[in-house]
Amino acid sequence: MSERKRRAGPGAAAGGPTSKKPRGASAAASYAQSLRSKLRPDDSILASLRALASASAKPKPAAASSAGAKALADDDPASASSSYIVVADQDINSVTSRINRLVLSVARSILSGRGFSFSVPSRTSTNQVYLPDLDRIVLLRREAARPFANVVTARKATVTARVLSLVHAVLRRGIHVTKRDLFYTDVKLFEDQSQSDAVLDDVSCMLGCTRSSLHVVASEKGVVVGRLIFHDDGDRIDCTRMGVGGKAIPPNIDRVSGIESDALFILLVEKDAAFMRLAEDRFYNRFPCIILTAKGQPDVATRLFLRRLKVELKLPVLAMVDSDPYGLKILSVYMCGSKNMSYDSANLTTPDIKWLGVRPSDLDKYRVPEQCRLPMTDHDIKVGKEMLEEDFVKQNESWVRELETMLRTKQKAEIQALSSFGFQYLTEVYLPLKLQQEDWI
């Protein structure tokens, strides 16, 4: 018997009982069709979106402004009283000067007979905390010695010195290299790219600059499409003319300039499949928006680009992620940062992202068929419970309720589950109805 027949079972032959659509699926499809009749004319939905965009562009109330001013004061890298590390963008001359001073102090230590040691900010998990006042994860200001004359730290001190040397050479040439390029300059010393990547983050902390200031970038990952025009190193990019694949988000965000848009909101989507559906259907023309994705776990360039769009265009950001713990983790990285990059959270986070979908409560609300839902694994449940214990989740009661719903039903679903009602259901019914009802948290 063929593999296909074994999976299908005896009733899968033409005319067999399982060739018919299950009764529950048929009812769900009928309900999905009825939702179309609830859609108001696009002009009505656009009016609501214009109101949302207008509210997002307005200055915050005085109380919020003073709180923001206090946060900015605390975030001053020059403030010696700051209890956490804040790095900032620096030009080539500033970074090379800091490296020169650091190496000079090492040389003096060696000549004095004391050997050398690097003082490196501790990036252990216990040193990365969420601050409710700032609504993001930060790296506390604690340092650890990394002496060369110690069996435990000798190799890491050597790697640190090598990375400093390579970064200095890159900056002197005024070029950019990828993290992979950096690793391949000394494979035998680094052994694994994760080691050179980790030390690169250490160097950023030591120098007090962002990783992009070191001119070492990650490979292109994120893409953007929609109502956006910008200049990439002098080249004019019109994101309405980028086709289904969109425009790759430049790894060197500092070369992006001249950002223009007539969009009413930014639509952030977790995965490439949903992005392609939205791009192919030209969703951004029906509802003027900018659509971007990092194709899963967000990379630094996409997070920087999203924040830049939010700050310069002052548009609301709506997010579409899978209805599972990992979708919410990805959303939280965009909003309040990741522990790995906690030292740069001030530059990488975009607060006030609205969770549009797909939320656990949507599975029943939109009657997603049972066969399109997946049972949560033990690991999913473990991650979900851990999310409930995170301070940034506890700050939002609606997030807590959604997570509790997910854990109670032990069901998850991807955005693509909506395709069970039709491949264009996402763009023609689900999202327009969500926008019409202002159904986000």
Protein backbone atom coordinates (compact mmCIF):
# COMPACT_ATOMS: atom_id res chain seq x y z
CA MET A 1 0.00 0.00 0.00
CA SER A 2 1.39 3.48 -0.87
CA GLU A 3 2.33 5.97 1.83
CA ARG A 4 -0.42 8.34 0.68
CA LYS A 5 -3.11 5.64 1.04
CA ARG A 6 -1.85 4.57 4.46
CA ARG A 7 -2.17 8.15 5.68
CA ALA A 8 -5.56 8.68 4.12
CA GLY A 9 -7.15 5.47 5.36
CA PRO A 10 -9.67 3.21 3.67
CA GLY A 11 -12.37 5.84 3.47
CA ALA A 12 -10.26 8.19 1.33
CA ALA A 13 -11.17 6.53 -1.97
CA ALA A 14 -13.40 8.49 -4.33
CA GLY A 15 -16.91 8.59 -2.96
CA GLY A 16 -15.78 7.39 0.50
CA PRO A 17 -17.14 9.08 3.61
CA THR A 18 -13.92 10.96 4.43
CA SER A 19 -13.86 12.65 1.01
CA LYS A 20 -16.64 14.94 2.27
CA LYS A 21 -15.87 18.05 4.28
CA PRO A 22 -16.40 17.41 8.04
CA ARG A 23 -19.57 18.90 9.41
CA GLY A 24 -17.63 21.14 11.83
CA ALA A 25 -15.44 22.46 9.02
CA SER A 26 -18.51 23.16 6.89
CA ALA A 27 -20.11 25.15 9.71
CA ALA A 28 -16.90 27.07 10.23
CA ALA A 29 -16.72 27.87 6.52
CA SER A 30 -20.33 29.12 6.58
CA TYR A 31 -19.54 31.31 9.59
CA ALA A 32 -16.41 32.65 7.87
CA GLN A 33 -18.52 33.55 4.84
CA SER A 34 -21.02 35.36 7.06
CA LEU A 35 -18.23 37.55 8.43
CA ARG A 36 -17.83 39.12 4.99
CA SER A 37 -21.29 40.63 5.32
CA LYS A 38 -20.17 42.41 8.50
CA LEU A 39 -17.47 44.35 6.72
CA ARG A 40 -18.23 48.03 6.28
CA PRO A 41 -17.05 49.95 3.20
CA ASP A 42 -13.32 50.49 3.11
CA ASP A 43 -13.77 54.26 3.50
CA SER A 44 -15.29 53.67 6.93
CA ILE A 45 -12.39 51.47 8.03
CA LEU A 46 -9.88 53.95 6.64
CA ALA A 47 -11.48 56.72 8.70
CA SER A 48 -10.81 54.69 11.86
CA LEU A 49 -7.23 54.06 10.75
CA ARG A 50 -6.68 57.77 10.13
CA ALA A 51 -7.89 58.48 13.65
CA LEU A 52 -5.48 55.86 15.01
CA ALA A 53 -2.58 57.33 13.03
CA SER A 54 -3.47 60.84 14.18
CA ALA A 55 -3.56 59.76 17.81
CA SER A 56 -0.19 58.05 17.44
CA ALA A 57 1.38 61.22 16.02
CA LYS A 58 0.13 63.45 18.86
CA PRO A 59 2.55 64.40 21.67
CA LYS A 60 2.08 62.41 24.86
CA PRO A 61 0.38 63.98 27.90
CA ALA A 62 2.50 66.04 30.27
CA ALA A 63 2.78 63.23 32.83
CA ALA A 64 4.01 60.79 30.22
CA SER A 65 6.39 63.41 28.83
CA SER A 66 7.99 64.02 32.21
CA ALA A 67 8.34 60.28 32.75
CA GLY A 68 9.92 60.03 29.32
CA ALA A 69 12.27 62.88 30.14
CA LYS A 70 13.34 61.11 33.31
CA ALA A 71 13.96 57.90 31.37
CA LEU A 72 16.07 59.82 28.86
CA ALA A 73 18.06 61.38 31.67
CA ASP A 74 18.66 57.98 33.22
CA ASP A 75 19.67 56.65 29.80
CA ASP A 76 22.45 59.20 29.41
CA PRO A 77 25.58 57.10 28.79
CA ALA A 78 27.66 59.82 30.43
CA SER A 79 25.73 59.54 33.69
CA ALA A 80 28.01 57.86 36.22
CA SER A 81 25.08 57.19 38.52
CA SER A 82 23.24 55.09 35.97
CA SER A 83 22.67 51.61 37.35
CA TYR A 84 22.47 50.00 33.93
CA ILE A 85 24.45 50.13 30.71
CA VAL A 86 23.30 52.29 27.82
CA VAL A 87 25.26 52.24 24.58
CA ALA A 88 24.98 54.83 21.83
CA ASP A 89 25.76 55.19 18.13
CA GLN A 90 29.26 56.56 17.63
CA ASP A 91 31.23 57.63 14.58
CA ILE A 92 34.38 55.91 13.36
CA ASN A 93 36.75 58.37 15.03
CA SER A 94 35.10 58.00 18.42
CA VAL A 95 35.18 54.19 18.36
CA THR A 96 38.77 53.95 17.10
CA SER A 97 39.86 56.44 19.79
CA ARG A 98 38.24 54.32 22.49
CA ILE A 99 39.94 51.19 21.15
CA ASN A 100 43.29 53.03 21.07
CA ARG A 101 42.91 54.14 24.68
CA LEU A 102 41.93 50.65 25.77
CA VAL A 103 44.91 49.04 24.02
CA LEU A 104 47.25 51.71 25.40
CA SER A 105 46.13 50.92 28.94
CA VAL A 106 46.75 47.21 28.25
CA ALA A 107 50.23 47.96 26.94
CA ARG A 108 51.07 50.03 30.03
CA SER A 109 49.86 47.23 32.28
CA ILE A 110 52.09 44.71 30.46
CA LEU A 111 55.14 47.00 30.58
CA SER A 112 54.65 47.53 34.31
CA GLY A 113 54.84 43.77 34.84
CA ARG A 114 51.21 43.33 35.84
CA GLY A 115 50.17 41.52 32.66
CA PHE A 116 46.86 42.53 31.17
CA SER A 117 43.19 42.07 31.88
CA PHE A 118 39.99 43.32 30.31
CA SER A 119 37.17 44.67 32.45
CA VAL A 120 34.06 43.32 30.73
CA PRO A 121 30.40 44.07 31.61
CA SER A 122 28.73 40.93 32.91
CA ARG A 123 26.06 39.71 30.49
CA THR A 124 24.85 36.75 32.55
CA SER A 125 21.11 36.09 32.65
CA THR A 126 20.90 37.24 36.29
CA ASN A 127 22.32 40.60 35.24
CA GLN A 128 19.65 41.18 32.57
CA VAL A 129 16.46 42.53 34.11
CA TYR A 130 13.17 44.08 33.02
CA LEU A 131 12.54 47.62 34.28
CA PRO A 132 8.80 48.47 34.32
CA ASP A 133 9.48 52.22 34.31
CA LEU A 134 11.32 51.89 31.00
CA ASP A 135 9.24 48.93 29.78
CA ARG A 136 12.29 47.10 28.47
CA ILE A 137 15.06 44.72 29.42
CA VAL A 138 18.34 46.33 30.48
CA LEU A 139 21.84 45.18 31.42
CA LEU A 140 22.86 46.12 34.95
CA ARG A 141 26.18 47.87 35.39
CA ARG A 142 28.38 45.10 36.79
CA GLU A 143 31.77 44.14 35.48
CA ALA A 144 33.96 41.06 35.60
CA ALA A 145 37.73 40.81 35.08
CA ARG A 146 39.03 38.81 32.12
CA PRO A 147 42.77 38.38 32.84
CA PHE A 148 45.14 36.76 30.38
CA ALA A 149 47.22 35.25 33.22
CA ASN A 150 44.45 32.89 34.27
CA VAL A 151 43.83 29.41 32.88
CA VAL A 152 40.07 29.90 32.95
CA THR A 153 39.98 33.23 31.10
CA ALA A 154 43.23 33.23 29.07
CA ARG A 155 41.60 32.02 25.85
CA LYS A 156 38.67 34.44 26.09
CA ALA A 157 41.05 37.32 26.79
CA THR A 158 42.94 36.36 23.62
CA VAL A 159 39.71 36.26 21.59
CA THR A 160 38.75 39.68 23.00
CA ALA A 161 42.08 41.16 21.95
CA ARG A 162 41.74 39.63 18.48
CA VAL A 163 38.21 40.97 17.96
CA LEU A 164 39.33 44.45 19.06
CA SER A 165 42.15 44.27 16.50
CA LEU A 166 39.81 43.17 13.69
CA VAL A 167 37.20 45.83 14.48
CA HIS A 168 39.90 48.49 14.53
CA ALA A 169 41.11 47.36 11.08
CA VAL A 170 37.56 47.43 9.67
CA LEU A 171 36.95 50.94 11.02
CA ARG A 172 40.24 52.26 9.66
CA ARG A 173 39.24 51.07 6.18
CA GLY A 174 35.78 52.59 6.53
CA ILE A 175 34.05 49.39 5.39
CA HIS A 176 31.39 47.04 6.79
CA VAL A 177 31.81 43.28 7.27
CA THR A 178 29.42 40.55 8.39
CA LYS A 179 29.76 38.57 11.59
CA ARG A 180 30.53 35.58 9.39
CA ASP A 181 33.41 37.47 7.75
CA LEU A 182 34.79 38.26 11.18
CA PHE A 183 34.64 34.62 12.24
CA TYR A 184 36.48 33.39 9.14
CA THR A 185 39.45 35.71 9.74
CA ASP A 186 40.64 33.37 12.51
CA VAL A 187 38.61 30.15 12.54
CA LYS A 188 41.15 28.17 14.58
CA LEU A 189 41.12 30.73 17.37
CA PHE A 190 37.36 31.35 17.42
CA GLU A 191 36.46 27.66 16.84
CA ASP A 192 32.76 28.50 16.57
CA GLN A 193 30.98 31.64 15.36
CA SER A 194 28.91 31.82 18.52
CA GLN A 195 32.15 32.56 20.40
CA SER A 196 33.23 35.44 18.19
CA ASP A 197 29.63 36.78 18.16
CA ALA A 198 29.49 36.76 21.97
CA VAL A 199 32.81 38.58 22.30
CA LEU A 200 31.68 41.11 19.70
CA ASP A 201 28.77 41.97 22.01
CA ASP A 202 31.22 42.19 24.93
CA VAL A 203 33.33 44.66 22.93
CA SER A 204 30.25 46.82 22.23
CA CYS A 205 29.57 46.99 25.96
CA MET A 206 33.20 47.74 26.79
CA LEU A 207 33.35 50.60 24.29
CA GLY A 208 29.87 51.91 25.10
CA CYS A 209 28.78 51.85 21.46
CA THR A 210 26.13 50.02 19.47
CA ARG A 211 27.18 46.96 17.51
CA SER A 212 26.45 48.75 14.24
CA SER A 213 29.03 51.38 15.28
CA LEU A 214 31.64 48.62 15.05
CA HIS A 215 30.73 48.20 11.35
CA VAL A 216 30.09 44.49 11.89
CA VAL A 217 26.61 43.52 10.71
CA ALA A 218 24.49 40.40 10.33
CA SER A 219 23.48 39.09 6.91
CA GLU A 220 20.28 40.49 5.40
CA LYS A 221 17.19 38.78 6.78
CA GLY A 222 14.23 41.11 7.15
CA VAL A 223 12.17 42.46 4.24
CA VAL A 224 9.79 45.39 3.80
CA VAL A 225 7.09 46.26 1.27
CA GLY A 226 4.33 48.84 0.99
CA ARG A 227 3.86 52.60 1.21
CA LEU A 228 7.45 53.54 1.95
CA ILE A 229 10.18 55.39 0.08
CA PHE A 230 13.72 55.74 1.39
CA HIS A 231 17.26 56.16 0.18
CA ASP A 232 19.71 53.29 0.66
CA ASP A 233 23.25 54.64 0.37
CA GLY A 234 21.96 57.24 -2.09
CA ASP A 235 19.73 54.90 -4.14
CA ARG A 236 16.01 55.73 -4.08
CA ILE A 237 13.91 52.73 -3.05
CA ASP A 238 10.15 52.66 -3.66
CA CYS A 239 8.76 49.75 -1.63
CA THR A 240 5.52 49.64 -3.66
CA ARG A 241 7.60 48.42 -6.60
CA MET A 242 9.47 45.60 -4.91
CA GLY A 243 7.18 42.76 -5.98
CA VAL A 244 6.07 39.88 -3.77
CA GLY A 245 9.51 39.39 -2.21
CA GLY A 246 9.80 42.95 -0.95
CA LYS A 247 13.00 44.94 -0.35
CA ALA A 248 15.65 43.47 1.90
CA ILE A 249 16.13 45.62 4.99
CA PRO A 250 19.67 47.02 4.78
CA PRO A 251 22.02 45.54 7.39
CA ASN A 252 23.67 48.97 7.65
CA ILE A 253 20.78 51.08 8.91
CA ASP A 254 23.03 54.12 9.13
CA ARG A 255 23.02 54.32 5.32
CA VAL A 256 19.21 54.71 5.22
CA SER A 257 17.96 58.27 4.77
CA GLY A 258 15.09 60.30 3.32
CA ILE A 259 12.28 58.17 4.77
CA GLU A 260 8.87 59.12 3.32
CA SER A 261 5.45 57.48 3.64
CA ASP A 262 1.73 58.11 3.30
CA ALA A 263 0.92 54.96 5.31
CA LEU A 264 -1.57 54.98 8.17
CA PHE A 265 0.12 52.16 10.12
CA ILE A 266 2.95 49.65 10.14
CA LEU A 267 2.00 45.97 9.92
CA LEU A 268 4.59 43.70 11.51
CA VAL A 269 4.21 40.01 10.62
CA GLU A 270 6.09 37.09 12.11
CA LYS A 271 6.63 34.89 9.08
CA ASP A 272 7.51 35.14 5.41
CA ALA A 273 4.41 33.17 4.26
CA ALA A 274 2.00 35.78 5.65
CA PHE A 275 4.22 38.57 4.30
CA MET A 276 4.06 37.10 0.77
CA ARG A 277 0.28 36.79 0.93
CA LEU A 278 -0.07 40.42 1.98
CA ALA A 279 2.43 41.58 -0.64
CA GLU A 280 0.88 39.62 -3.51
CA ASP A 281 -2.61 40.87 -2.65
CA ARG A 282 -1.26 44.45 -2.47
CA PHE A 283 -2.89 44.83 0.93
CA TYR A 284 -0.96 48.08 1.39
CA ASN A 285 -2.89 49.70 -1.46
CA ARG A 286 -6.31 48.90 -0.01
CA PHE A 287 -5.26 49.95 3.50
CA PRO A 288 -2.17 52.20 3.23
CA CYS A 289 0.50 50.58 5.35
CA ILE A 290 4.11 49.44 5.55
CA ILE A 291 4.54 45.67 5.92
CA LEU A 292 7.70 44.13 7.28
CA THR A 293 8.93 40.81 8.61
CA ALA A 294 12.14 39.33 10.01
CA LYS A 295 11.01 35.86 8.89
CA GLY A 296 10.83 34.55 12.44
CA GLN A 297 13.11 35.55 15.30
CA PRO A 298 13.86 39.25 14.79
CA ASP A 299 17.39 40.26 13.82
CA VAL A 300 19.09 43.48 14.87
CA ALA A 301 18.68 45.24 11.50
CA THR A 302 14.90 44.64 11.40
CA ARG A 303 14.49 45.83 14.98
CA LEU A 304 16.54 48.96 14.25
CA PHE A 305 14.59 49.62 11.06
CA LEU A 306 11.20 49.20 12.77
CA ARG A 307 12.19 51.58 15.56
CA ARG A 308 13.47 54.09 13.01
CA LEU A 309 10.14 53.97 11.12
CA LYS A 310 8.20 54.35 14.36
CA VAL A 311 10.26 57.32 15.57
CA GLU A 312 10.46 59.21 12.27
CA LEU A 313 6.99 58.51 10.87
CA LYS A 314 5.17 58.36 14.23
CA LEU A 315 2.87 55.60 12.99
CA PRO A 316 1.09 52.96 15.07
CA VAL A 317 2.52 49.44 14.79
CA LEU A 318 0.15 46.44 14.58
CA ALA A 319 1.57 42.93 14.88
CA MET A 320 0.52 39.60 13.41
CA VAL A 321 2.15 36.54 15.02
CA ASP A 322 1.31 32.87 15.43
CA SER A 323 -1.00 31.89 18.26
CA ASP A 324 1.65 30.08 20.28
CA PRO A 325 4.14 30.98 23.05
CA TYR A 326 6.90 31.59 20.53
CA GLY A 327 4.82 34.13 18.61
CA LEU A 328 4.38 36.10 21.81
CA LYS A 329 8.09 35.78 22.64
CA ILE A 330 8.96 37.20 19.23
CA LEU A 331 6.54 40.09 19.78
CA SER A 332 8.07 40.76 23.20
CA VAL A 333 11.57 40.98 21.67
CA TYR A 334 10.38 43.76 19.35
CA MET A 335 8.66 45.56 22.23
CA CYS A 336 10.97 45.30 25.23
CA GLY A 337 14.12 43.65 23.91
CA SER A 338 16.03 40.42 24.21
CA LYS A 339 18.34 39.41 27.02
CA ASN A 340 21.19 38.76 24.62
CA MET A 341 21.08 42.37 23.40
CA SER A 342 19.91 43.94 26.66
CA TYR A 343 22.81 46.41 26.64
CA ASP A 344 21.37 47.99 23.47
CA SER A 345 17.66 47.79 24.29
CA ALA A 346 17.27 51.59 24.24
CA ASN A 347 18.03 51.57 20.50
CA LEU A 348 16.41 48.26 19.52
CA THR A 349 12.98 48.30 21.18
CA THR A 350 9.69 49.62 19.82
CA PRO A 351 7.20 50.04 22.67
CA ASP A 352 3.45 50.25 22.26
CA ILE A 353 3.11 47.63 19.53
CA LYS A 354 -0.51 46.51 19.33
CA TRP A 355 -1.11 42.74 19.20
CA LEU A 356 -3.60 42.38 16.34
CA GLY A 357 -3.57 38.60 15.96
CA VAL A 358 -3.63 35.70 15.70
CA ARG A 359 -4.60 35.58 19.38
CA PRO A 360 -5.70 32.44 21.25
CA SER A 361 -9.18 33.92 21.70
CA ASP A 362 -9.42 34.29 17.90
CA LEU A 363 -9.44 30.52 17.38
CA ASP A 364 -12.96 30.24 18.77
CA LYS A 365 -14.07 33.74 17.83
CA TYR A 366 -13.35 33.07 14.15
CA ARG A 367 -14.21 29.37 14.44
CA VAL A 368 -10.92 28.06 13.15
CA PRO A 369 -11.57 24.35 12.41
CA GLU A 370 -10.20 21.81 14.87
CA GLN A 371 -8.14 20.13 12.16
CA CYS A 372 -6.27 23.43 11.66
CA ARG A 373 -5.35 23.72 15.33
CA LEU A 374 -2.34 21.95 16.78
CA PRO A 375 -1.98 20.43 20.24
CA MET A 376 0.60 22.17 22.38
CA THR A 377 3.61 20.05 23.24
CA ASP A 378 4.94 19.72 26.77
CA HIS A 379 7.69 22.15 25.81
CA ASP A 380 5.12 24.64 24.44
CA ILE A 381 3.26 24.49 27.73
CA LYS A 382 6.49 24.97 29.67
CA VAL A 383 7.40 28.03 27.59
CA GLY A 384 3.87 29.41 27.98
CA LYS A 385 4.02 29.10 31.77
CA GLU A 386 7.43 30.76 31.80
CA MET A 387 6.00 33.62 29.75
CA LEU A 388 3.28 34.12 32.35
CA GLU A 389 6.00 34.65 34.96
CA GLU A 390 7.77 37.33 32.93
CA ASP A 391 7.40 40.81 34.41
CA PHE A 392 6.67 42.44 31.04
CA VAL A 393 3.75 40.02 30.50
CA LYS A 394 2.34 40.69 33.96
CA GLN A 395 2.18 44.40 33.07
CA ASN A 396 -0.53 43.67 30.50
CA GLU A 397 -3.67 41.92 31.79
CA SER A 398 -4.90 41.23 28.25
CA TRP A 399 -1.70 39.33 27.46
CA VAL A 400 -2.14 37.31 30.63
CA ARG A 401 -5.72 36.38 29.69
CA GLU A 402 -4.67 35.31 26.19
CA LEU A 403 -1.82 33.17 27.52
CA GLU A 404 -4.12 31.60 30.10
CA THR A 405 -6.60 30.79 27.31
CA MET A 406 -3.83 29.13 25.32
CA LEU A 407 -2.67 27.05 28.28
CA ARG A 408 -6.23 26.09 29.24
CA THR A 409 -7.17 24.88 25.76
CA LYS A 410 -3.66 23.50 25.07
CA GLN A 411 -4.12 24.51 21.44
CA LYS A 412 -1.99 26.60 19.12
CA ALA A 413 -2.31 27.72 15.51
CA GLU A 414 -0.24 29.44 12.87
CA ILE A 415 -1.40 32.45 10.87
CA GLN A 416 -1.74 30.08 7.90
CA ALA A 417 -4.59 28.27 9.69
CA LEU A 418 -6.80 31.06 8.35
CA SER A 419 -6.14 29.74 4.83
CA SER A 420 -8.57 26.91 5.59
CA PHE A 421 -11.30 29.44 4.68
CA GLY A 422 -9.55 30.44 1.47
CA PHE A 423 -6.07 31.51 0.55
CA GLN A 424 -7.03 35.20 0.56
CA TYR A 425 -9.18 35.08 3.69
CA LEU A 426 -6.38 36.76 5.65
CA THR A 427 -6.35 39.85 3.46
CA GLU A 428 -10.00 39.95 2.40
CA VAL A 429 -11.82 39.19 5.67
CA TYR A 430 -9.75 38.59 8.79
CA LEU A 431 -7.50 41.66 8.74
CA PRO A 432 -10.13 44.12 7.42
CA LEU A 433 -12.54 42.96 10.13
CA LYS A 434 -9.83 43.26 12.78
CA LEU A 435 -9.08 46.81 11.66
CA GLN A 436 -12.76 47.70 11.47
CA GLN A 437 -13.40 46.48 15.02
CA GLU A 438 -10.11 47.94 16.30
CA ASP A 439 -9.58 44.51 17.76
CA TRP A 440 -6.05 44.72 19.15
CA ILE A 441 -4.41 44.78 22.57
